[in-house]
Amino acid sequence: MKDDQQGAWRYFGTREVREARQWAATGGIAVHENLFRSRGRRSAHLLAPDEVTLRTAARSVGCLPEWIQRTRTVHFDLVDPMLALALLLCSNDAPGPV
């Protein structure tokens, strides 16, 4: 892991799930856009290297702790204002507002 990656937020497009998981596994915060919309709204997954970091990142964009998703990859779903805030925190060129 690079020092500049530790805790750095980065956006990943719909076809970059492997890259998003790798970024998170090596210390970064990944915002991975979903291919499918949630009730017609743009949505993304928030990923992090561990659950403590994930919960902290999620809280920083307005997610509640009970919203955590415990599937194959532990994550938070981001929509509307939470997604917009997360995109602002991404260090690369994330797409514009939600």
Protein backbone atom coordinates (compact mmCIF):
# COMPACT_ATOMS: atom_id res chain seq x y z
CA MET A 1 0.00 0.00 0.00
CA LYS A 2 1.23 3.47 -0.85
CA ASP A 3 1.23 6.04 1.96
CA ASP A 4 -0.84 8.43 -0.16
CA GLN A 5 -3.52 5.73 -0.59
CA GLN A 6 -4.13 5.21 3.15
CA GLY A 7 -7.60 6.60 3.78
CA ALA A 8 -7.80 8.27 0.35
CA TRP A 9 -11.24 8.30 -1.26
CA ARG A 10 -11.49 7.23 -4.90
CA TYR A 11 -14.36 6.81 -7.36
CA PHE A 12 -14.75 3.63 -9.44
CA GLY A 13 -17.15 3.21 -12.34
CA THR A 14 -19.69 0.45 -12.77
CA ARG A 15 -17.26 -1.93 -14.49
CA GLU A 16 -14.42 -1.43 -11.98
CA VAL A 17 -15.58 -3.60 -9.08
CA ARG A 18 -12.28 -5.53 -8.84
CA GLU A 19 -10.29 -2.34 -8.77
CA ALA A 20 -12.59 -0.86 -6.10
CA ARG A 21 -12.22 -3.93 -3.89
CA GLN A 22 -8.44 -3.89 -4.35
CA TRP A 23 -8.23 -0.17 -3.49
CA ALA A 24 -10.23 -0.76 -0.31
CA ALA A 25 -8.30 -3.90 0.62
CA THR A 26 -5.03 -1.98 0.47
CA GLY A 27 -6.14 0.92 2.66
CA GLY A 28 -8.26 3.27 0.57
CA ILE A 29 -11.93 4.25 0.65
CA ALA A 30 -13.71 3.18 -2.54
CA VAL A 31 -16.95 4.60 -3.94
CA HIS A 32 -18.08 2.08 -6.55
CA GLU A 33 -21.01 3.12 -8.72
CA ASN A 34 -23.70 0.48 -9.16
CA LEU A 35 -24.79 -0.55 -12.62
CA PHE A 36 -28.39 -0.78 -11.49
CA ARG A 37 -30.24 2.13 -9.99
CA SER A 38 -31.95 2.00 -6.60
CA ARG A 39 -35.61 2.95 -7.12
CA GLY A 40 -34.56 4.95 -10.16
CA ARG A 41 -31.81 6.79 -8.27
CA ARG A 42 -28.10 6.69 -8.92
CA SER A 43 -26.38 4.59 -6.25
CA ALA A 44 -22.94 3.34 -5.19
CA HIS A 45 -21.24 1.08 -2.67
CA LEU A 46 -18.86 2.45 -0.07
CA LEU A 47 -15.95 0.07 0.65
CA ALA A 48 -13.04 0.28 3.10
CA PRO A 49 -10.19 -1.92 4.37
CA ASP A 50 -11.95 -2.88 7.61
CA GLU A 51 -15.28 -2.40 9.35
CA VAL A 52 -14.10 0.34 11.72
CA THR A 53 -12.78 2.43 8.83
CA LEU A 54 -15.91 1.68 6.81
CA ARG A 55 -18.21 2.85 9.60
CA THR A 56 -16.16 6.02 10.11
CA ALA A 57 -16.22 6.82 6.38
CA ALA A 58 -19.95 6.10 6.18
CA ARG A 59 -20.69 8.31 9.17
CA SER A 60 -18.71 11.16 7.57
CA VAL A 61 -21.18 11.25 4.65
CA GLY A 62 -24.30 10.88 6.79
CA CYS A 63 -24.95 7.13 6.89
CA LEU A 64 -26.34 5.54 10.03
CA PRO A 65 -24.49 2.53 11.50
CA GLU A 66 -27.48 0.23 11.08
CA TRP A 67 -27.38 0.74 7.31
CA ILE A 68 -24.30 -1.49 6.98
CA GLN A 69 -24.74 -4.28 4.44
CA ARG A 70 -23.25 -7.64 5.39
CA THR A 71 -23.06 -9.48 2.09
CA ARG A 72 -20.04 -11.05 0.39
CA THR A 73 -18.42 -7.64 0.66
CA VAL A 74 -19.31 -5.59 3.75
CA HIS A 75 -20.36 -2.16 2.50
CA PHE A 76 -22.76 0.75 2.76
CA ASP A 77 -25.18 1.68 -0.02
CA LEU A 78 -24.97 5.34 -0.98
CA VAL A 79 -27.79 7.32 -2.60
CA ASP A 80 -28.80 10.96 -2.95
CA PRO A 81 -27.07 13.31 -0.46
CA MET A 82 -24.71 10.65 0.92
CA LEU A 83 -23.51 9.78 -2.57
CA ALA A 84 -23.06 13.44 -3.48
CA LEU A 85 -20.88 14.00 -0.39
CA ALA A 86 -18.84 10.86 -1.08
CA LEU A 87 -18.18 11.97 -4.66
CA LEU A 88 -16.89 15.30 -3.37
CA LEU A 89 -14.38 13.44 -1.18
CA CYS A 90 -12.99 11.34 -4.04
CA SER A 91 -9.47 12.31 -5.04
CA ASN A 92 -9.88 11.41 -8.72
CA ASP A 93 -12.31 12.74 -11.29
CA ALA A 94 -15.61 11.45 -9.99
CA PRO A 95 -18.67 12.27 -12.09
CA GLY A 96 -20.64 15.38 -11.19
CA PRO A 97 -23.46 15.74 -8.70
CA VAL A 98 -26.09 13.12 -8.23
